[in-house]
């Protein structure tokens, strides 16, 4: 109902990769929380973002992230490097 007659479309899909970002109440920071996914739907002036905690991502039938943790070997390596640099 919020979009009225405008057909809502997914405008962006973002993966959070900042190990220092937190859910502080700021959407700009929440979008960057490591392991989260943000989906933006609709165009200005009717746009809304939703942040998903602990998502699972499957690509071509292979799980690369499960419950907010990257389990793909290459992404898990990046995860370790990022967290070691905290």
PDB file of N, CA and C in Angstrom:
ATOM      1  N   UNK A   1       0.816  -1.189   0.000  1.00  0.00           N
ATOM      2  CA  UNK A   1       0.000   0.000   0.000  1.00  0.00           C
ATOM      3  C   UNK A   1       0.865   1.259   0.000  1.00  0.00           C
ATOM      4  N   UNK A   2       2.014   1.213   0.662  1.00  0.00           N
ATOM      5  CA  UNK A   2       2.875   2.373   0.806  1.00  0.00           C
ATOM      6  C   UNK A   2       3.315   2.905  -0.557  1.00  0.00           C
ATOM      7  N   UNK A   3       3.580   2.008  -1.517  1.00  0.00           N
ATOM      8  CA  UNK A   3       4.034   2.417  -2.837  1.00  0.00           C
ATOM      9  C   UNK A   3       2.888   2.901  -3.734  1.00  0.00           C
ATOM     10  N   UNK A   4       1.648   2.657  -3.328  1.00  0.00           N
ATOM     11  CA  UNK A   4       0.506   3.084  -4.133  1.00  0.00           C
ATOM     12  C   UNK A   4       0.500   2.386  -5.479  1.00  0.00           C
ATOM     13  N   UNK A   5       0.410   3.156  -6.552  1.00  0.00           N
ATOM     14  CA  UNK A   5       0.363   2.597  -7.902  1.00  0.00           C
ATOM     15  C   UNK A   5       1.750   2.388  -8.500  1.00  0.00           C
ATOM     16  N   UNK A   6       2.794   2.799  -7.772  1.00  0.00           N
ATOM     17  CA  UNK A   6       4.166   2.629  -8.261  1.00  0.00           C
ATOM     18  C   UNK A   6       4.592   1.175  -8.036  1.00  0.00           C
ATOM     19  N   UNK A   7       5.092   0.551  -9.078  1.00  0.00           N
ATOM     20  CA  UNK A   7       5.568  -0.830  -8.980  1.00  0.00           C
ATOM     21  C   UNK A   7       6.912  -0.840  -8.240  1.00  0.00           C
ATOM     22  N   UNK A   8       6.970  -1.448  -7.045  1.00  0.00           N
ATOM     23  CA  UNK A   8       8.246  -1.464  -6.316  1.00  0.00           C
ATOM     24  C   UNK A   8       9.251  -2.400  -6.990  1.00  0.00           C
ATOM     25  N   UNK A   9      10.474  -1.930  -7.083  1.00  0.00           N
ATOM     26  CA  UNK A   9      11.555  -2.717  -7.666  1.00  0.00           C
ATOM     27  C   UNK A   9      12.729  -2.744  -6.703  1.00  0.00           C
ATOM     28  N   UNK A  10      13.500  -3.820  -6.734  1.00  0.00           N
ATOM     29  CA  UNK A  10      14.733  -3.867  -5.949  1.00  0.00           C
ATOM     30  C   UNK A  10      15.725  -2.933  -6.630  1.00  0.00           C
ATOM     31  N   UNK A  11      16.168  -1.918  -5.905  1.00  0.00           N
ATOM     32  CA  UNK A  11      17.105  -0.929  -6.439  1.00  0.00           C
ATOM     33  C   UNK A  11      18.552  -1.263  -6.109  1.00  0.00           C
ATOM     34  N   UNK A  12      18.779  -1.884  -4.958  1.00  0.00           N
ATOM     35  CA  UNK A  12      20.140  -2.289  -4.623  1.00  0.00           C
ATOM     36  C   UNK A  12      20.113  -3.436  -3.624  1.00  0.00           C
ATOM     37  N   UNK A  13      21.178  -4.201  -3.672  1.00  0.00           N
ATOM     38  CA  UNK A  13      21.398  -5.317  -2.759  1.00  0.00           C
ATOM     39  C   UNK A  13      22.850  -5.201  -2.319  1.00  0.00           C
ATOM     40  N   UNK A  14      23.087  -5.055  -1.020  1.00  0.00           N
ATOM     41  CA  UNK A  14      24.439  -4.811  -0.515  1.00  0.00           C
ATOM     42  C   UNK A  14      24.818  -5.859   0.530  1.00  0.00           C
ATOM     43  N   UNK A  15      26.081  -6.243   0.510  1.00  0.00           N
ATOM     44  CA  UNK A  15      26.625  -7.140   1.523  1.00  0.00           C
ATOM     45  C   UNK A  15      27.513  -6.325   2.449  1.00  0.00           C
ATOM     46  N   UNK A  16      27.355  -6.505   3.755  1.00  0.00           N
ATOM     47  CA  UNK A  16      28.167  -5.784   4.723  1.00  0.00           C
ATOM     48  C   UNK A  16      29.516  -6.456   4.930  1.00  0.00           C
ATOM     49  N   UNK A  17      30.593  -5.662   4.860  1.00  0.00           N
ATOM     50  CA  UNK A  17      31.937  -6.206   5.033  1.00  0.00           C
ATOM     51  C   UNK A  17      32.772  -5.436   6.049  1.00  0.00           C
ATOM     52  N   UNK A  18      32.142  -4.605   6.874  1.00  0.00           N
ATOM     53  CA  UNK A  18      32.897  -3.818   7.844  1.00  0.00           C
ATOM     54  C   UNK A  18      32.820  -4.489   9.217  1.00  0.00           C
ATOM     55  N   UNK A  19      33.918  -5.107   9.668  1.00  0.00           N
ATOM     56  CA  UNK A  19      33.885  -5.810  10.952  1.00  0.00           C
ATOM     57  C   UNK A  19      33.711  -4.887  12.154  1.00  0.00           C
ATOM     58  N   UNK A  20      33.915  -3.574  11.979  1.00  0.00           N
ATOM     59  CA  UNK A  20      33.754  -2.643  13.098  1.00  0.00           C
ATOM     60  C   UNK A  20      32.385  -1.970  13.132  1.00  0.00           C
ATOM     61  N   UNK A  21      31.574  -2.149  12.085  1.00  0.00           N
ATOM     62  CA  UNK A  21      30.241  -1.548  12.066  1.00  0.00           C
ATOM     63  C   UNK A  21      29.336  -2.295  13.050  1.00  0.00           C
ATOM     64  N   UNK A  22      28.406  -1.554  13.658  1.00  0.00           N
ATOM     65  CA  UNK A  22      27.494  -2.137  14.635  1.00  0.00           C
ATOM     66  C   UNK A  22      26.064  -1.668  14.353  1.00  0.00           C
ATOM     67  N   UNK A  23      25.122  -2.275  15.028  1.00  0.00           N
ATOM     68  CA  UNK A  23      23.726  -1.849  14.948  1.00  0.00           C
ATOM     69  C   UNK A  23      23.510  -0.765  16.004  1.00  0.00           C
ATOM     70  N   UNK A  24      23.948   0.434  15.663  1.00  0.00           N
ATOM     71  CA  UNK A  24      23.924   1.555  16.604  1.00  0.00           C
ATOM     72  C   UNK A  24      22.648   2.384  16.504  1.00  0.00           C
ATOM     73  N   UNK A  25      21.780   2.043  15.552  1.00  0.00           N
ATOM     74  CA  UNK A  25      20.580   2.838  15.316  1.00  0.00           C
ATOM     75  C   UNK A  25      20.695   3.669  14.054  1.00  0.00           C
ATOM     76  N   UNK A  26      21.880   3.731  13.462  1.00  0.00           N
ATOM     77  CA  UNK A  26      22.117   4.449  12.215  1.00  0.00           C
ATOM     78  C   UNK A  26      22.018   3.478  11.046  1.00  0.00           C
ATOM     79  N   UNK A  27      21.115   3.745  10.108  1.00  0.00           N
ATOM     80  CA  UNK A  27      20.972   2.873   8.933  1.00  0.00           C
ATOM     81  C   UNK A  27      22.263   2.840   8.132  1.00  0.00           C
ATOM     82  N   UNK A  28      22.933   3.987   7.997  1.00  0.00           N
ATOM     83  CA  UNK A  28      24.180   4.041   7.227  1.00  0.00           C
ATOM     84  C   UNK A  28      25.226   3.075   7.782  1.00  0.00           C
ATOM     85  N   UNK A  29      25.262   2.929   9.099  1.00  0.00           N
ATOM     86  CA  UNK A  29      26.217   1.989   9.703  1.00  0.00           C
ATOM     87  C   UNK A  29      25.686   0.565   9.640  1.00  0.00           C
ATOM     88  N   UNK A  30      24.407   0.376   9.890  1.00  0.00           N
ATOM     89  CA  UNK A  30      23.807  -0.969   9.888  1.00  0.00           C
ATOM     90  C   UNK A  30      23.975  -1.650   8.536  1.00  0.00           C
ATOM     91  N   UNK A  31      23.929  -0.876   7.449  1.00  0.00           N
ATOM     92  CA  UNK A  31      24.105  -1.441   6.107  1.00  0.00           C
ATOM     93  C   UNK A  31      25.485  -2.050   5.915  1.00  0.00           C
ATOM     94  N   UNK A  32      26.429  -1.671   6.756  1.00  0.00           N
ATOM     95  CA  UNK A  32      27.814  -2.110   6.597  1.00  0.00           C
ATOM     96  C   UNK A  32      28.225  -3.211   7.579  1.00  0.00           C
ATOM     97  N   UNK A  33      27.326  -3.616   8.467  1.00  0.00           N
ATOM     98  CA  UNK A  33      27.653  -4.635   9.468  1.00  0.00           C
ATOM     99  C   UNK A  33      28.088  -5.919   8.764  1.00  0.00           C
ATOM    100  N   UNK A  34      29.207  -6.439   9.203  1.00  0.00           N
ATOM    101  CA  UNK A  34      29.802  -7.612   8.563  1.00  0.00           C
ATOM    102  C   UNK A  34      28.818  -8.780   8.532  1.00  0.00           C
ATOM    103  N   UNK A  35      28.629  -9.350   7.347  1.00  0.00           N
ATOM    104  CA  UNK A  35      27.791 -10.532   7.184  1.00  0.00           C
ATOM    105  C   UNK A  35      26.323 -10.243   6.936  1.00  0.00           C
ATOM    106  N   UNK A  36      25.905  -8.987   7.028  1.00  0.00           N
ATOM    107  CA  UNK A  36      24.496  -8.629   6.818  1.00  0.00           C
ATOM    108  C   UNK A  36      24.223  -8.351   5.344  1.00  0.00           C
ATOM    109  N   UNK A  37      22.957  -8.346   5.003  1.00  0.00           N
ATOM    110  CA  UNK A  37      22.515  -7.988   3.656  1.00  0.00           C
ATOM    111  C   UNK A  37      21.521  -6.847   3.782  1.00  0.00           C
ATOM    112  N   UNK A  38      21.651  -5.858   2.904  1.00  0.00           N
ATOM    113  CA  UNK A  38      20.692  -4.760   2.844  1.00  0.00           C
ATOM    114  C   UNK A  38      20.021  -4.788   1.474  1.00  0.00           C
ATOM    115  N   UNK A  39      18.691  -4.672   1.476  1.00  0.00           N
ATOM    116  CA  UNK A  39      17.923  -4.611   0.238  1.00  0.00           C
ATOM    117  C   UNK A  39      17.201  -3.272   0.201  1.00  0.00           C
ATOM    118  N   UNK A  40      17.402  -2.525  -0.881  1.00  0.00           N
ATOM    119  CA  UNK A  40      16.706  -1.256  -1.079  1.00  0.00           C
ATOM    120  C   UNK A  40      15.625  -1.439  -2.128  1.00  0.00           C
ATOM    121  N   UNK A  41      14.414  -1.046  -1.798  1.00  0.00           N
ATOM    122  CA  UNK A  41      13.277  -1.224  -2.708  1.00  0.00           C
ATOM    123  C   UNK A  41      12.662   0.135  -3.011  1.00  0.00           C
ATOM    124  N   UNK A  42      12.385   0.394  -4.299  1.00  0.00           N
ATOM    125  CA  UNK A  42      11.728   1.619  -4.726  1.00  0.00           C
ATOM    126  C   UNK A  42      12.700   2.740  -5.031  1.00  0.00           C
ATOM    127  N   UNK A  43      12.203   3.719  -5.798  1.00  0.00           N
ATOM    128  CA  UNK A  43      12.992   4.892  -6.174  1.00  0.00           C
ATOM    129  C   UNK A  43      12.498   6.102  -5.409  1.00  0.00           C
ATOM    130  N   UNK A  44      13.375   7.088  -5.252  1.00  0.00           N
ATOM    131  CA  UNK A  44      13.023   8.332  -4.578  1.00  0.00           C
ATOM    132  C   UNK A  44      11.762   8.893  -5.222  1.00  0.00           C
ATOM    133  N   UNK A  45      10.806   9.368  -4.478  1.00  0.00           N
ATOM    134  CA  UNK A  45      10.779   9.615  -3.043  1.00  0.00           C
ATOM    135  C   UNK A  45      10.253   8.433  -2.234  1.00  0.00           C
ATOM    136  N   UNK A  46       9.896   7.343  -2.894  1.00  0.00           N
ATOM    137  CA  UNK A  46       9.379   6.169  -2.180  1.00  0.00           C
ATOM    138  C   UNK A  46      10.429   5.059  -2.208  1.00  0.00           C
ATOM    139  N   UNK A  47      11.316   5.109  -1.248  1.00  0.00           N
ATOM    140  CA  UNK A  47      12.416   4.141  -1.164  1.00  0.00           C
ATOM    141  C   UNK A  47      12.532   3.682   0.284  1.00  0.00           C
ATOM    142  N   UNK A  48      12.766   2.404   0.455  1.00  0.00           N
ATOM    143  CA  UNK A  48      12.952   1.866   1.806  1.00  0.00           C
ATOM    144  C   UNK A  48      14.060   0.821   1.771  1.00  0.00           C
ATOM    145  N   UNK A  49      14.868   0.793   2.834  1.00  0.00           N
ATOM    146  CA  UNK A  49      15.935  -0.196   2.978  1.00  0.00           C
ATOM    147  C   UNK A  49      15.579  -1.154   4.099  1.00  0.00           C
ATOM    148  N   UNK A  50      15.925  -2.403   3.921  1.00  0.00           N
ATOM    149  CA  UNK A  50      15.758  -3.403   4.970  1.00  0.00           C
ATOM    150  C   UNK A  50      17.072  -4.116   5.188  1.00  0.00           C
ATOM    151  N   UNK A  51      17.498  -4.230   6.432  1.00  0.00           N
ATOM    152  CA  UNK A  51      18.756  -4.895   6.770  1.00  0.00           C
ATOM    153  C   UNK A  51      18.431  -6.258   7.371  1.00  0.00           C
ATOM    154  N   UNK A  52      19.057  -7.301   6.835  1.00  0.00           N
ATOM    155  CA  UNK A  52      18.853  -8.667   7.329  1.00  0.00           C
ATOM    156  C   UNK A  52      20.077  -9.123   8.107  1.00  0.00           C
ATOM    157  N   UNK A  53      19.851  -9.515   9.354  1.00  0.00           N
ATOM    158  CA  UNK A  53      20.917 -10.086  10.178  1.00  0.00           C
ATOM    159  C   UNK A  53      21.004 -11.586   9.917  1.00  0.00           C
ATOM    160  N   UNK A  54      22.188 -12.125  10.008  1.00  0.00           N
ATOM    161  CA  UNK A  54      22.434 -13.570   9.932  1.00  0.00           C
ATOM    162  C   UNK A  54      21.804 -14.249   8.721  1.00  0.00           C
ATOM    163  N   UNK A  55      22.006 -13.678   7.506  1.00  0.00           N
ATOM    164  CA  UNK A  55      21.428 -14.306   6.324  1.00  0.00           C
ATOM    165  C   UNK A  55      22.240 -15.507   5.861  1.00  0.00           C
ATOM    166  N   UNK A  56      21.651 -16.278   4.996  1.00  0.00           N
ATOM    167  CA  UNK A  56      22.356 -17.342   4.285  1.00  0.00           C
ATOM    168  C   UNK A  56      22.266 -17.011   2.803  1.00  0.00           C
ATOM    169  N   UNK A  57      23.375 -17.181   2.083  1.00  0.00           N
ATOM    170  CA  UNK A  57      23.437 -16.859   0.657  1.00  0.00           C
ATOM    171  C   UNK A  57      23.862 -18.099  -0.112  1.00  0.00           C
ATOM    172  N   UNK A  58      23.079 -18.434  -1.122  1.00  0.00           N
ATOM    173  CA  UNK A  58      23.412 -19.530  -2.022  1.00  0.00           C
ATOM    174  C   UNK A  58      23.654 -18.949  -3.404  1.00  0.00           C
ATOM    175  N   UNK A  59      24.758 -19.341  -4.039  1.00  0.00           N
ATOM    176  CA  UNK A  59      25.083 -18.918  -5.396  1.00  0.00           C
ATOM    177  C   UNK A  59      25.305 -20.168  -6.226  1.00  0.00           C
ATOM    178  N   UNK A  60      24.536 -20.308  -7.285  1.00  0.00           N
ATOM    179  CA  UNK A  60      24.615 -21.493  -8.141  1.00  0.00           C
ATOM    180  C   UNK A  60      24.517 -22.781  -7.337  1.00  0.00           C
ATOM    181  N   UNK A  61      23.641 -22.780  -6.340  1.00  0.00           N
ATOM    182  CA  UNK A  61      23.407 -23.970  -5.531  1.00  0.00           C
ATOM    183  C   UNK A  61      24.440 -24.222  -4.451  1.00  0.00           C
ATOM    184  N   UNK A  62      25.439 -23.340  -4.332  1.00  0.00           N
ATOM    185  CA  UNK A  62      26.491 -23.511  -3.320  1.00  0.00           C
ATOM    186  C   UNK A  62      26.325 -22.450  -2.235  1.00  0.00           C
ATOM    187  N   UNK A  63      26.318 -22.872  -0.975  1.00  0.00           N
ATOM    188  CA  UNK A  63      26.201 -21.935   0.136  1.00  0.00           C
ATOM    189  C   UNK A  63      27.536 -21.243   0.340  1.00  0.00           C
ATOM    190  N   UNK A  64      27.521 -19.894   0.271  1.00  0.00           N
ATOM    191  CA  UNK A  64      28.747 -19.137   0.515  1.00  0.00           C
ATOM    192  C   UNK A  64      28.705 -18.428   1.867  1.00  0.00           C
ATOM    193  N   UNK A  65      27.488 -18.189   2.367  1.00  0.00           N
ATOM    194  CA  UNK A  65      27.315 -17.583   3.689  1.00  0.00           C
ATOM    195  C   UNK A  65      26.169 -18.310   4.375  1.00  0.00           C
ATOM    196  N   UNK A  66      26.407 -18.680   5.639  1.00  0.00           N
ATOM    197  CA  UNK A  66      25.373 -19.388   6.396  1.00  0.00           C
ATOM    198  C   UNK A  66      25.210 -18.720   7.751  1.00  0.00           C
ATOM    199  N   UNK A  67      23.983 -18.269   8.022  1.00  0.00           N
ATOM    200  CA  UNK A  67      23.658 -17.600   9.288  1.00  0.00           C
ATOM    201  C   UNK A  67      24.606 -16.445   9.608  1.00  0.00           C
ATOM    202  N   UNK A  68      24.958 -15.666   8.560  1.00  0.00           N
ATOM    203  CA  UNK A  68      25.786 -14.480   8.765  1.00  0.00           C
ATOM    204  C   UNK A  68      27.283 -14.720   8.764  1.00  0.00           C
ATOM    205  N   UNK A  69      27.722 -15.968   8.561  1.00  0.00           N
ATOM    206  CA  UNK A  69      29.154 -16.284   8.508  1.00  0.00           C
ATOM    207  C   UNK A  69      29.503 -16.831   7.129  1.00  0.00           C
ATOM    208  N   UNK A  70      30.563 -16.266   6.535  1.00  0.00           N
ATOM    209  CA  UNK A  70      30.995 -16.749   5.229  1.00  0.00           C
ATOM    210  C   UNK A  70      31.671 -18.102   5.391  1.00  0.00           C
ATOM    211  N   UNK A  71      31.178 -19.089   4.670  1.00  0.00           N
ATOM    212  CA  UNK A  71      31.748 -20.429   4.771  1.00  0.00           C
ATOM    213  C   UNK A  71      32.474 -20.840   3.494  1.00  0.00           C
ATOM    214  N   UNK A  72      32.302 -20.079   2.422  1.00  0.00           N
ATOM    215  CA  UNK A  72      33.070 -20.308   1.209  1.00  0.00           C
ATOM    216  C   UNK A  72      34.546 -20.117   1.561  1.00  0.00           C
ATOM    217  N   UNK A  73      35.399 -21.003   1.071  1.00  0.00           N
ATOM    218  CA  UNK A  73      36.811 -20.994   1.450  1.00  0.00           C
ATOM    219  C   UNK A  73      37.484 -19.645   1.190  1.00  0.00           C
ATOM    220  N   UNK A  74      37.249 -19.052   0.017  1.00  0.00           N
ATOM    221  CA  UNK A  74      37.886 -17.771  -0.303  1.00  0.00           C
ATOM    222  C   UNK A  74      37.340 -16.641   0.568  1.00  0.00           C
ATOM    223  N   UNK A  75      36.021 -16.608   0.748  1.00  0.00           N
ATOM    224  CA  UNK A  75      35.429 -15.554   1.574  1.00  0.00           C
ATOM    225  C   UNK A  75      35.768 -15.736   3.050  1.00  0.00           C
ATOM    226  N   UNK A  76      35.883 -16.975   3.492  1.00  0.00           N
ATOM    227  CA  UNK A  76      36.270 -17.221   4.884  1.00  0.00           C
ATOM    228  C   UNK A  76      37.690 -16.706   5.134  1.00  0.00           C
ATOM    229  N   UNK A  77      38.571 -16.826   4.138  1.00  0.00           N
ATOM    230  CA  UNK A  77      39.929 -16.295   4.251  1.00  0.00           C
ATOM    231  C   UNK A  77      39.930 -14.779   4.372  1.00  0.00           C
ATOM    232  N   UNK A  78      39.093 -14.124   3.577  1.00  0.00           N
ATOM    233  CA  UNK A  78      38.969 -12.666   3.659  1.00  0.00           C
ATOM    234  C   UNK A  78      38.419 -12.274   5.027  1.00  0.00           C
ATOM    235  N   UNK A  79      37.427 -13.027   5.501  1.00  0.00           N
ATOM    236  CA  UNK A  79      36.843 -12.776   6.817  1.00  0.00           C
ATOM    237  C   UNK A  79      37.915 -12.810   7.894  1.00  0.00           C
ATOM    238  N   UNK A  80      38.753 -13.827   7.854  1.00  0.00           N
ATOM    239  CA  UNK A  80      39.802 -13.964   8.859  1.00  0.00           C
ATOM    240  C   UNK A  80      40.760 -12.769   8.820  1.00  0.00           C
ATOM    241  N   UNK A  81      41.168 -12.371   7.611  1.00  0.00           N
ATOM    242  CA  UNK A  81      42.091 -11.221   7.477  1.00  0.00           C
ATOM    243  C   UNK A  81      41.465  -9.947   8.026  1.00  0.00           C
ATOM    244  N   UNK A  82      40.207  -9.709   7.699  1.00  0.00           N
ATOM    245  CA  UNK A  82      39.527  -8.506   8.195  1.00  0.00           C
ATOM    246  C   UNK A  82      39.418  -8.504   9.708  1.00  0.00           C
ATOM    247  N   UNK A  83      39.049  -9.640  10.263  1.00  0.00           N
ATOM    248  CA  UNK A  83      38.886  -9.709  11.720  1.00  0.00           C
ATOM    249  C   UNK A  83      40.224  -9.651  12.447  1.00  0.00           C
ATOM    250  N   UNK A  84      41.288 -10.175  11.820  1.00  0.00           N
ATOM    251  CA  UNK A  84      42.609 -10.092  12.438  1.00  0.00           C
ATOM    252  C   UNK A  84      43.116  -8.649  12.485  1.00  0.00           C
ATOM    253  N   UNK A  85      42.628  -7.803  11.558  1.00  0.00           N
ATOM    254  CA  UNK A  85      43.063  -6.395  11.494  1.00  0.00           C
ATOM    255  C   UNK A  85      42.213  -5.482  12.375  1.00  0.00           C
ATOM    256  N   UNK A  86      41.275  -6.013  13.129  1.00  0.00           N
ATOM    257  CA  UNK A  86      40.397  -5.184  13.986  1.00  0.00           C
ATOM    258  C   UNK A  86      41.205  -4.483  15.052  1.00  0.00           C
TER     259      UNK A  86
END
